[in-house]
Amino acid sequence: MSVNPIVHSAQRAAFGAAIDATIHAVRGKGTEKMSENACKLIDLAQPLLKDRYPAEAFDAARKLVSDPNGKWMQFAYRAINEIDPHILKMNALNLVYEGMLLGYNQVCELRKKYQCNMPWILLFDPTSACNLHCKGCWAAEYGNRLNLSYEEMDRLVTEGEELGIHWYMLTGGEPMCRKADILKLAAKHQASVFHLFTNGTLIDEQFCEDVRKVGNMAFFLSIEGSEESNDDRRGEGIYRKVLYAMDLMKENGLLFGTSICYTSANYKAVTSDEFIDMLIDHGVRFNWYFHYMPIGDGANVNLMLNKEQREYMVHRVREIRGLTGGKEIFCIDFQNDGEYIDGCIAGGRQYAHINPNGDVEPCVFIHYSNANIHEKSLLECLQQPLFKEYHKGQPFNKNHLRPCPMLENPELLGEMVKRSGAHSTDLQRPESTDDVYRRCKPYADQWTPTANRLWAEEHPQSACAACVGCADKE
């Protein structure tokens, strides 16, 4: 979809002015003006999204922001007053206007044109290097030999922006090992956002100052429960270093949240009131929860949750982020929130992952591919056979509490890899899908009855809930 540059410039300026007005009206002055300006932003967004959402959805959004004393308006008020205005504006403008509105419309047009998945979020690893070696981390197994050059990252983002992709998440390895290049990349691509998954230990005052200048960056810090459990996985003293980084980022008005891997050992600790209150006090705005995935040589199936533990997570995360009650922090549970995104979003459906060797993979947890950015354009990589298999198979299960083709439907991953001719991209040791299947199959079998019951309770009118067993696509 071609975008008229004059129209684009005018729309971006209008959104920018509305964001500036909201920030200026709210900082230190109360929530009433915030509600008024939030409604103006919704009015600007509606024409761009009218083909994707009914008018009732925009009316519901206006109702939500019209209550200045509501939980999420209080959350927004606190954020506007505490986050640096330039960072707030650049993330809102690029993530919402460029990414979710204009860019996503372009992505949808390209999906129709090429009849394939087309992401609006792209994850890539600037490096396999890391200053830590955390237990159970897929990146920790990669070693420190591989890097995407600045020129390769620049080309990747340039090609991505041409496709309508304006949200870039940087994983690793530890992306902060390449912080000079990342700052340079963010400074050049001011119409996109760059969000880093980081252990936080390399963040210092100078870096915070640099981030305030470029504006279009945010962070997901890894932390997993108590000081004892965190340091057992990440190393002695790391917990306190992460809290220090949070305090430094809060003082500098940076936008950041957490990236939390929950396991059978820590699932209650990382969702406890005490833990979440501590994060809020340190300036955390959002928690991204990731289910432990048994991949690579270091996989430990004992860290996978049993059915009772996972059911606890389903209910607890919803409780935390409820419209009322819970906490003033936004939480996403990527394994249990499939109903809101129609199941698995990998394989280019909403996002894809590029490792530091340049392999374009369906997911950060699924290391198979047919394409490499050193050999093909980004568009060609997104049209690879494995991604086409994802496109044909998604959603992999009608029960979106069983979204993944590896964890909950492990037979499907092997079938797709075989049909597509994809190869293992594990950077430590090639891994057969048979090995992955053997690890995940017992988990899938014990979770299925509970998942079917929960889905039937939550969706009694759906065809899937009506017969329960239809959740098994196989």
Protein backbone atom coordinates (compact mmCIF):
# COMPACT_ATOMS: atom_id res chain seq x y z
CA MET A 1 0.00 0.00 0.00
CA SER A 2 1.53 3.27 -1.05
CA VAL A 3 1.15 6.10 1.43
CA ASN A 4 0.90 9.64 0.15
CA PRO A 5 3.86 11.41 1.80
CA ILE A 6 1.94 14.67 2.17
CA VAL A 7 -0.96 12.92 3.90
CA HIS A 8 1.48 10.94 6.04
CA SER A 9 3.32 14.08 7.09
CA ALA A 10 0.08 15.86 7.98
CA GLN A 11 -1.27 12.89 9.96
CA ARG A 12 1.99 12.40 11.84
CA ALA A 13 2.08 16.11 12.71
CA ALA A 14 -1.52 15.94 13.96
CA PHE A 15 -0.81 12.93 16.16
CA GLY A 16 2.39 14.52 17.42
CA ALA A 17 0.56 17.74 18.32
CA ALA A 18 -2.17 15.79 20.12
CA ILE A 19 0.43 13.83 22.12
CA ASP A 20 2.29 17.03 23.01
CA ALA A 21 -0.97 18.67 24.09
CA THR A 22 -1.87 15.68 26.27
CA ILE A 23 1.54 15.64 27.96
CA HIS A 24 1.48 19.42 28.52
CA ALA A 25 -2.08 19.37 29.84
CA VAL A 26 -1.52 16.49 32.24
CA ARG A 27 1.93 16.88 33.80
CA GLY A 28 1.35 18.00 37.34
CA LYS A 29 -2.21 19.18 36.67
CA GLY A 30 -4.56 16.24 37.24
CA THR A 31 -6.42 13.65 35.16
CA GLU A 32 -9.39 15.64 33.84
CA LYS A 33 -7.50 17.15 30.89
CA MET A 34 -5.96 13.75 30.19
CA SER A 35 -9.39 12.24 29.53
CA GLU A 36 -10.26 15.06 27.16
CA ASN A 37 -7.03 14.71 25.18
CA ALA A 38 -7.22 10.91 25.14
CA CYS A 39 -10.60 11.20 23.44
CA LYS A 40 -9.02 13.43 20.80
CA LEU A 41 -6.39 10.76 20.10
CA ILE A 42 -9.14 8.17 19.68
CA ASP A 43 -10.91 10.51 17.26
CA LEU A 44 -7.70 10.72 15.21
CA ALA A 45 -7.20 6.97 15.23
CA GLN A 46 -10.74 5.96 14.25
CA PRO A 47 -10.55 6.91 10.54
CA LEU A 48 -7.34 4.89 10.17
CA LEU A 49 -8.85 1.82 11.86
CA LYS A 50 -12.45 1.98 10.69
CA ASP A 51 -12.03 -1.10 8.48
CA ARG A 52 -10.53 -3.17 11.30
CA TYR A 53 -12.77 -2.31 14.26
CA PRO A 54 -16.49 -1.43 14.55
CA ALA A 55 -17.58 1.97 15.79
CA GLU A 56 -18.65 0.34 19.08
CA ALA A 57 -15.00 -0.45 19.86
CA PHE A 58 -14.06 3.22 19.66
CA ASP A 59 -17.06 4.16 21.79
CA ALA A 60 -15.90 1.65 24.42
CA ALA A 61 -12.41 3.16 24.35
CA ARG A 62 -13.84 6.65 24.84
CA LYS A 63 -15.86 5.39 27.79
CA LEU A 64 -12.75 3.85 29.34
CA VAL A 65 -10.69 7.05 29.12
CA SER A 66 -13.57 9.25 30.21
CA ASP A 67 -13.26 8.12 33.82
CA PRO A 68 -10.33 10.14 35.22
CA ASN A 69 -10.37 8.07 38.42
CA GLY A 70 -10.26 4.70 36.68
CA LYS A 71 -7.35 2.35 37.27
CA TRP A 72 -5.86 2.67 33.80
CA MET A 73 -6.25 6.42 33.64
CA GLN A 74 -4.39 6.64 36.94
CA PHE A 75 -1.74 4.37 35.44
CA ALA A 76 -1.45 6.67 32.41
CA TYR A 77 -1.35 9.80 34.59
CA ARG A 78 1.55 8.40 36.59
CA ALA A 79 3.40 7.44 33.41
CA ILE A 80 2.95 10.87 31.82
CA ASN A 81 4.29 12.57 34.93
CA GLU A 82 7.27 10.26 35.39
CA ILE A 83 8.49 9.41 31.88
CA ASP A 84 10.61 11.89 29.93
CA PRO A 85 8.26 13.78 27.55
CA HIS A 86 10.45 13.16 24.48
CA ILE A 87 10.62 9.42 25.19
CA LEU A 88 6.90 9.30 25.83
CA LYS A 89 6.09 11.14 22.60
CA MET A 90 8.46 9.16 20.37
CA ASN A 91 7.25 5.79 21.65
CA ALA A 92 3.59 6.77 21.40
CA LEU A 93 3.98 8.36 17.97
CA ASN A 94 6.02 5.56 16.42
CA LEU A 95 4.47 2.59 18.16
CA VAL A 96 0.85 3.70 17.87
CA TYR A 97 0.65 5.91 14.77
CA GLU A 98 3.45 4.50 12.60
CA GLY A 99 3.20 0.90 13.82
CA MET A 100 -0.29 0.03 15.02
CA LEU A 101 -2.23 2.37 12.75
CA LEU A 102 -0.55 3.28 9.46
CA GLY A 103 2.05 0.50 9.39
CA TYR A 104 -0.39 -2.26 10.30
CA ASN A 105 -2.75 -1.18 7.52
CA GLN A 106 0.17 -1.48 5.10
CA VAL A 107 1.10 -4.89 6.50
CA CYS A 108 -2.47 -6.12 6.00
CA GLU A 109 -2.40 -5.00 2.35
CA LEU A 110 0.88 -6.82 1.77
CA ARG A 111 -0.52 -10.02 3.30
CA LYS A 112 -3.23 -9.98 0.66
CA LYS A 113 -0.82 -9.10 -2.13
CA TYR A 114 1.73 -11.83 -1.38
CA GLN A 115 -0.65 -14.38 0.20
CA CYS A 116 1.70 -14.99 3.09
CA ASN A 117 2.29 -13.95 6.67
CA MET A 118 3.60 -10.43 7.10
CA PRO A 119 4.69 -9.28 10.58
CA TRP A 120 4.33 -5.83 12.08
CA ILE A 121 6.89 -6.64 14.80
CA LEU A 122 10.41 -7.84 14.08
CA LEU A 123 12.82 -9.28 16.64
CA PHE A 124 16.51 -9.51 15.87
CA ASP A 125 19.70 -10.32 17.75
CA PRO A 126 22.49 -7.80 17.24
CA THR A 127 24.91 -10.24 18.87
CA SER A 128 25.21 -13.65 20.45
CA ALA A 129 27.58 -12.20 23.05
CA CYS A 130 26.40 -11.84 26.63
CA ASN A 131 28.11 -10.85 29.86
CA LEU A 132 26.01 -13.44 31.75
CA HIS A 133 25.24 -17.12 31.27
CA CYS A 134 21.76 -17.68 32.70
CA LYS A 135 20.37 -21.17 33.23
CA GLY A 136 17.65 -22.07 30.74
CA CYS A 137 18.25 -19.12 28.39
CA TRP A 138 18.26 -20.10 24.70
CA ALA A 139 20.69 -17.28 23.96
CA ALA A 140 23.10 -18.44 26.63
CA GLU A 141 23.79 -21.52 24.55
CA TYR A 142 24.82 -19.53 21.47
CA GLY A 143 28.30 -18.48 22.51
CA ASN A 144 29.74 -15.04 21.69
CA ARG A 145 31.07 -15.36 18.17
CA LEU A 146 28.25 -13.99 16.04
CA ASN A 147 27.14 -10.43 15.28
CA LEU A 148 24.95 -8.57 12.83
CA SER A 149 26.97 -5.62 11.58
CA TYR A 150 25.55 -2.11 11.88
CA GLU A 151 25.14 -2.05 8.08
CA GLU A 152 23.14 -5.30 8.19
CA MET A 153 20.88 -4.01 10.97
CA ASP A 154 20.39 -0.73 9.12
CA ARG A 155 19.42 -2.58 5.92
CA LEU A 156 17.07 -4.84 7.89
CA VAL A 157 15.23 -1.89 9.45
CA THR A 158 15.17 0.03 6.16
CA GLU A 159 13.58 -2.93 4.36
CA GLY A 160 11.23 -3.49 7.29
CA GLU A 161 10.00 0.10 7.28
CA GLU A 162 9.27 -0.22 3.57
CA LEU A 163 6.97 -3.14 4.48
CA GLY A 164 5.23 -1.17 7.23
CA ILE A 165 7.22 -2.60 10.17
CA HIS A 166 8.02 0.06 12.76
CA TRP A 167 8.41 -1.98 15.97
CA TYR A 168 11.80 -3.63 16.46
CA MET A 169 12.65 -5.74 19.49
CA LEU A 170 16.30 -6.50 20.09
CA THR A 171 17.18 -9.73 21.85
CA GLY A 172 20.39 -11.72 22.10
CA GLY A 173 22.76 -12.49 23.57
CA GLU A 174 22.81 -9.21 25.41
CA PRO A 175 21.96 -6.39 22.98
CA MET A 176 23.58 -3.83 25.29
CA CYS A 177 26.92 -5.31 24.24
CA ARG A 178 26.24 -3.36 21.01
CA LYS A 179 24.74 -0.24 22.60
CA ALA A 180 26.72 2.25 20.49
CA ASP A 181 25.42 0.73 17.24
CA ILE A 182 21.88 0.47 18.63
CA LEU A 183 21.84 4.14 19.62
CA LYS A 184 23.09 5.00 16.14
CA LEU A 185 20.36 2.85 14.59
CA ALA A 186 17.63 4.46 16.69
CA ALA A 187 18.91 7.94 15.85
CA LYS A 188 18.76 7.20 12.12
CA HIS A 189 15.32 5.52 12.13
CA GLN A 190 13.26 8.07 14.01
CA ALA A 191 9.94 6.72 12.66
CA SER A 192 10.39 3.37 14.45
CA VAL A 193 10.78 2.16 18.04
CA PHE A 194 13.56 -0.05 19.36
CA HIS A 195 12.79 -2.10 22.45
CA LEU A 196 15.64 -4.03 24.08
CA PHE A 197 15.40 -7.25 26.08
CA THR A 198 18.30 -6.79 28.50
CA ASN A 199 19.71 -8.12 31.75
CA GLY A 200 20.18 -4.48 32.77
CA THR A 201 23.71 -4.81 34.10
CA LEU A 202 25.31 -2.65 31.38
CA ILE A 203 23.00 0.35 31.81
CA ASP A 204 24.73 3.45 33.17
CA GLU A 205 24.09 7.20 33.51
CA GLN A 206 25.65 8.11 30.16
CA PHE A 207 23.54 5.54 28.34
CA CYS A 208 20.38 6.91 29.98
CA GLU A 209 21.29 10.40 28.77
CA ASP A 210 21.83 9.09 25.24
CA VAL A 211 18.45 7.33 25.26
CA ARG A 212 16.70 10.54 26.30
CA LYS A 213 18.19 12.25 23.26
CA VAL A 214 17.07 9.68 20.66
CA GLY A 215 13.75 9.09 22.40
CA ASN A 216 12.51 6.07 20.45
CA MET A 217 13.73 3.32 22.77
CA ALA A 218 12.32 1.25 25.66
CA PHE A 219 13.49 -1.76 27.67
CA PHE A 220 12.46 -5.14 29.06
CA LEU A 221 14.64 -6.06 32.05
CA SER A 222 15.04 -9.69 33.06
CA ILE A 223 14.21 -10.44 36.69
CA GLU A 224 12.65 -13.56 38.12
CA GLY A 225 11.45 -13.42 41.71
CA SER A 226 13.45 -13.19 44.89
CA GLU A 227 17.08 -12.20 45.11
CA GLU A 228 17.99 -15.80 45.92
CA SER A 229 16.15 -17.39 42.98
CA ASN A 230 17.21 -14.67 40.56
CA ASP A 231 20.91 -14.93 41.45
CA ASP A 232 20.77 -18.73 41.41
CA ARG A 233 19.89 -18.52 37.71
CA ARG A 234 21.80 -15.39 36.69
CA GLY A 235 24.76 -15.13 39.04
CA GLU A 236 25.60 -13.64 42.43
CA GLY A 237 24.81 -9.95 42.81
CA ILE A 238 22.82 -9.64 39.57
CA TYR A 239 19.52 -8.97 41.35
CA ARG A 240 20.85 -5.85 43.04
CA LYS A 241 22.44 -4.66 39.79
CA VAL A 242 19.08 -4.94 38.04
CA LEU A 243 17.33 -2.96 40.77
CA TYR A 244 20.04 -0.32 40.52
CA ALA A 245 19.48 -0.12 36.76
CA MET A 246 15.74 0.28 37.31
CA ASP A 247 16.30 3.14 39.75
CA LEU A 248 18.69 4.82 37.33
CA MET A 249 16.23 4.49 34.47
CA LYS A 250 13.38 5.77 36.62
CA GLU A 251 15.40 8.83 37.64
CA ASN A 252 16.10 9.54 33.97
CA GLY A 253 12.49 9.10 32.89
CA LEU A 254 13.09 6.05 30.68
CA LEU A 255 10.28 3.71 29.63
CA PHE A 256 10.84 0.15 30.80
CA GLY A 257 9.19 -3.05 31.97
CA THR A 258 10.25 -6.59 32.70
CA SER A 259 10.75 -9.83 30.80
CA ILE A 260 9.97 -12.69 33.18
CA CYS A 261 10.43 -16.38 32.47
CA TYR A 262 8.09 -18.24 34.79
CA THR A 263 8.79 -21.82 35.81
CA SER A 264 7.50 -24.46 38.19
CA ALA A 265 9.91 -23.04 40.75
CA ASN A 266 9.07 -19.31 40.59
CA TYR A 267 5.56 -18.89 39.13
CA LYS A 268 4.00 -17.73 42.41
CA ALA A 269 6.90 -15.51 43.39
CA VAL A 270 6.85 -13.53 40.14
CA THR A 271 3.11 -12.88 40.38
CA SER A 272 2.95 -12.12 44.10
CA ASP A 273 1.64 -8.80 45.39
CA GLU A 274 4.96 -8.13 47.09
CA PHE A 275 6.99 -8.69 43.95
CA ILE A 276 4.73 -6.58 41.74
CA ASP A 277 4.53 -3.76 44.27
CA MET A 278 8.32 -3.75 44.37
CA LEU A 279 8.53 -3.47 40.59
CA ILE A 280 6.04 -0.60 40.51
CA ASP A 281 8.03 1.24 43.19
CA HIS A 282 11.13 0.92 40.98
CA GLY A 283 9.36 2.41 37.95
CA VAL A 284 8.28 -0.70 36.01
CA ARG A 285 5.30 -0.08 33.68
CA PHE A 286 4.64 -3.57 32.30
CA ASN A 287 5.44 -7.25 32.88
CA TRP A 288 5.88 -9.60 29.94
CA TYR A 289 5.57 -13.18 31.17
CA PHE A 290 7.07 -16.05 29.16
CA HIS A 291 6.43 -19.73 29.86
CA TYR A 292 9.63 -21.76 30.28
CA MET A 293 10.44 -23.52 27.00
CA PRO A 294 12.47 -26.79 27.00
CA ILE A 295 14.86 -26.09 24.12
CA GLY A 296 18.55 -26.70 23.57
CA ASP A 297 21.13 -28.72 25.44
CA GLY A 298 20.31 -27.07 28.76
CA ALA A 299 16.60 -27.89 28.68
CA ASN A 300 15.21 -28.97 32.05
CA VAL A 301 11.72 -30.45 31.77
CA ASN A 302 11.34 -30.22 35.55
CA LEU A 303 11.02 -26.44 35.19
CA MET A 304 7.88 -26.82 33.05
CA LEU A 305 4.65 -26.11 34.90
CA ASN A 306 2.15 -28.82 35.76
CA LYS A 307 -1.51 -28.31 34.92
CA GLU A 308 -2.43 -26.83 38.32
CA GLN A 309 0.45 -24.35 38.18
CA ARG A 310 -0.39 -23.21 34.68
CA GLU A 311 -4.07 -22.81 35.54
CA TYR A 312 -2.96 -20.60 38.43
CA MET A 313 -1.05 -18.40 35.96
CA VAL A 314 -4.10 -18.12 33.68
CA HIS A 315 -6.24 -16.70 36.47
CA ARG A 316 -3.58 -14.70 38.31
CA VAL A 317 -2.38 -12.59 35.36
CA ARG A 318 -5.96 -11.71 34.48
CA GLU A 319 -6.54 -10.70 38.08
CA ILE A 320 -3.46 -8.45 38.13
CA ARG A 321 -4.41 -6.51 35.00
CA GLY A 322 -8.17 -6.39 35.48
CA LEU A 323 -10.06 -3.17 34.75
CA THR A 324 -10.68 -2.96 38.48
CA GLY A 325 -8.59 -4.34 41.32
CA GLY A 326 -5.22 -5.94 40.69
CA LYS A 327 -2.28 -3.61 40.15
CA GLU A 328 -1.46 -0.49 38.13
CA ILE A 329 0.90 -2.40 35.87
CA PHE A 330 0.14 -3.93 32.48
CA CYS A 331 0.82 -7.67 32.18
CA ILE A 332 0.90 -9.99 29.19
CA ASP A 333 1.25 -13.77 29.45
CA PHE A 334 2.32 -14.91 26.00
CA GLN A 335 1.34 -18.54 26.51
CA ASN A 336 -2.06 -17.93 28.09
CA ASP A 337 -3.29 -14.82 26.25
CA GLY A 338 -3.77 -16.51 22.89
CA GLU A 339 -7.52 -15.82 22.89
CA TYR A 340 -6.80 -12.10 22.45
CA ILE A 341 -4.55 -12.62 19.42
CA ASP A 342 -6.13 -15.69 17.79
CA GLY A 343 -3.45 -18.13 18.92
CA CYS A 344 0.16 -18.36 17.76
CA ILE A 345 1.56 -15.11 16.33
CA ALA A 346 4.91 -16.52 15.15
CA GLY A 347 6.14 -17.43 11.68
CA GLY A 348 5.55 -13.88 10.49
CA ARG A 349 1.86 -13.80 11.37
CA GLN A 350 2.53 -10.91 13.75
CA TYR A 351 6.25 -11.30 14.38
CA ALA A 352 9.40 -13.16 13.35
CA HIS A 353 12.88 -13.57 14.80
CA ILE A 354 16.32 -13.14 13.23
CA ASN A 355 19.25 -14.68 15.06
CA PRO A 356 22.80 -13.22 15.07
CA ASN A 357 23.74 -15.56 12.23
CA GLY A 358 21.07 -13.94 10.06
CA ASP A 359 18.68 -16.93 10.07
CA VAL A 360 15.04 -15.84 9.91
CA GLU A 361 13.17 -18.05 12.40
CA PRO A 362 9.44 -18.33 13.21
CA CYS A 363 9.98 -17.58 16.90
CA VAL A 364 12.71 -16.88 19.44
CA PHE A 365 12.02 -20.35 20.84
CA ILE A 366 11.80 -22.30 17.57
CA HIS A 367 15.15 -22.61 15.83
CA TYR A 368 14.43 -23.79 12.29
CA SER A 369 14.56 -21.84 9.03
CA ASN A 370 14.78 -21.85 5.24
CA ALA A 371 16.13 -18.32 4.84
CA ASN A 372 18.97 -16.01 5.86
CA ILE A 373 19.18 -12.22 5.47
CA HIS A 374 22.75 -12.55 4.16
CA GLU A 375 21.36 -14.32 1.11
CA LYS A 376 17.87 -12.86 0.60
CA SER A 377 15.87 -9.69 1.13
CA LEU A 378 13.64 -9.47 4.17
CA LEU A 379 10.55 -9.89 2.00
CA GLU A 380 11.98 -13.05 0.42
CA CYS A 381 12.82 -14.41 3.88
CA LEU A 382 9.24 -13.85 5.03
CA GLN A 383 8.07 -15.90 2.04
CA GLN A 384 10.18 -18.93 2.97
CA PRO A 385 8.53 -22.40 2.94
CA LEU A 386 8.47 -22.79 6.74
CA PHE A 387 6.61 -19.50 7.18
CA LYS A 388 4.14 -20.58 4.50
CA GLU A 389 3.50 -23.72 6.55
CA TYR A 390 2.78 -21.50 9.54
CA HIS A 391 0.44 -19.41 7.39
CA LYS A 392 -1.51 -22.51 6.35
CA GLY A 393 -1.69 -23.97 9.86
CA GLN A 394 -2.53 -20.96 12.05
CA PRO A 395 -4.24 -21.05 14.42
CA PHE A 396 -2.73 -24.39 15.34
CA ASN A 397 -5.54 -25.13 17.75
CA LYS A 398 -9.10 -23.86 18.12
CA ASN A 399 -8.44 -23.75 21.85
CA HIS A 400 -6.18 -20.72 22.22
CA LEU A 401 -4.97 -21.94 25.60
CA ARG A 402 -3.03 -24.42 23.44
CA PRO A 403 -1.57 -22.04 20.85
CA CYS A 404 2.00 -23.24 20.22
CA PRO A 405 3.01 -25.79 17.54
CA MET A 406 5.85 -26.87 19.82
CA LEU A 407 4.72 -26.77 23.46
CA GLU A 408 1.04 -27.75 23.26
CA ASN A 409 0.85 -29.32 19.77
CA PRO A 410 4.37 -30.77 19.42
CA GLU A 411 3.59 -33.08 16.53
CA LEU A 412 2.82 -30.07 14.32
CA LEU A 413 6.27 -28.50 14.48
CA GLY A 414 7.98 -31.62 13.19
CA GLU A 415 5.46 -31.96 10.38
CA MET A 416 5.96 -28.36 9.25
CA VAL A 417 9.74 -28.59 9.38
CA LYS A 418 9.66 -31.81 7.35
CA ARG A 419 7.26 -30.50 4.70
CA SER A 420 9.16 -27.22 4.31
CA GLY A 421 12.64 -28.73 4.28
CA ALA A 422 13.76 -26.29 6.99
CA HIS A 423 16.98 -26.96 8.86
CA SER A 424 17.96 -26.52 12.50
CA THR A 425 19.42 -23.09 13.26
CA ASP A 426 20.44 -23.85 16.83
CA LEU A 427 23.78 -22.12 17.14
CA GLN A 428 25.23 -24.56 19.61
CA ARG A 429 24.10 -27.94 18.29
CA PRO A 430 21.54 -28.81 15.58
CA GLU A 431 18.43 -30.17 17.27
CA SER A 432 16.01 -32.68 15.79
CA THR A 433 12.30 -31.93 16.05
CA ASP A 434 12.01 -35.51 17.39
CA ASP A 435 13.99 -34.42 20.47
CA VAL A 436 11.74 -31.41 20.95
CA TYR A 437 8.67 -33.62 20.53
CA ARG A 438 9.84 -36.06 23.22
CA ARG A 439 10.30 -33.20 25.69
CA CYS A 440 6.99 -31.48 24.97
CA LYS A 441 4.58 -34.37 24.35
CA PRO A 442 4.10 -35.36 28.04
CA TYR A 443 3.50 -31.71 28.93
CA ALA A 444 0.95 -31.30 26.14
CA ASP A 445 -0.90 -34.46 27.17
CA GLN A 446 -1.27 -33.44 30.82
CA TRP A 447 -2.26 -29.83 29.99
CA THR A 448 -4.88 -30.63 27.32
CA PRO A 449 -7.81 -31.72 29.59
CA THR A 450 -7.36 -28.66 31.83
CA ALA A 451 -7.03 -26.32 28.84
CA ASN A 452 -10.19 -27.76 27.29
CA ARG A 453 -12.14 -27.33 30.52
CA LEU A 454 -10.98 -23.72 30.97
CA TRP A 455 -11.76 -22.88 27.35
CA ALA A 456 -15.26 -24.37 27.63
CA GLU A 457 -15.90 -22.36 30.79
CA GLU A 458 -14.74 -19.11 29.21
CA HIS A 459 -16.28 -19.70 25.76
CA PRO A 460 -19.45 -21.79 26.29
CA GLN A 461 -20.99 -20.69 22.97
CA SER A 462 -17.99 -21.50 20.80
CA ALA A 463 -17.95 -24.59 18.63
CA CYS A 464 -14.74 -25.63 20.33
CA ALA A 465 -16.29 -25.42 23.79
CA ALA A 466 -19.43 -27.21 22.70
CA CYS A 467 -17.63 -30.46 22.05
CA VAL A 468 -14.40 -29.80 24.02
CA GLY A 469 -12.51 -32.48 22.12
CA CYS A 470 -12.53 -30.39 18.94
CA ALA A 471 -9.65 -28.47 20.48
CA ASP A 472 -7.54 -31.33 19.19
CA LYS A 473 -6.92 -30.36 15.58
CA GLU A 474 -5.06 -33.58 15.04
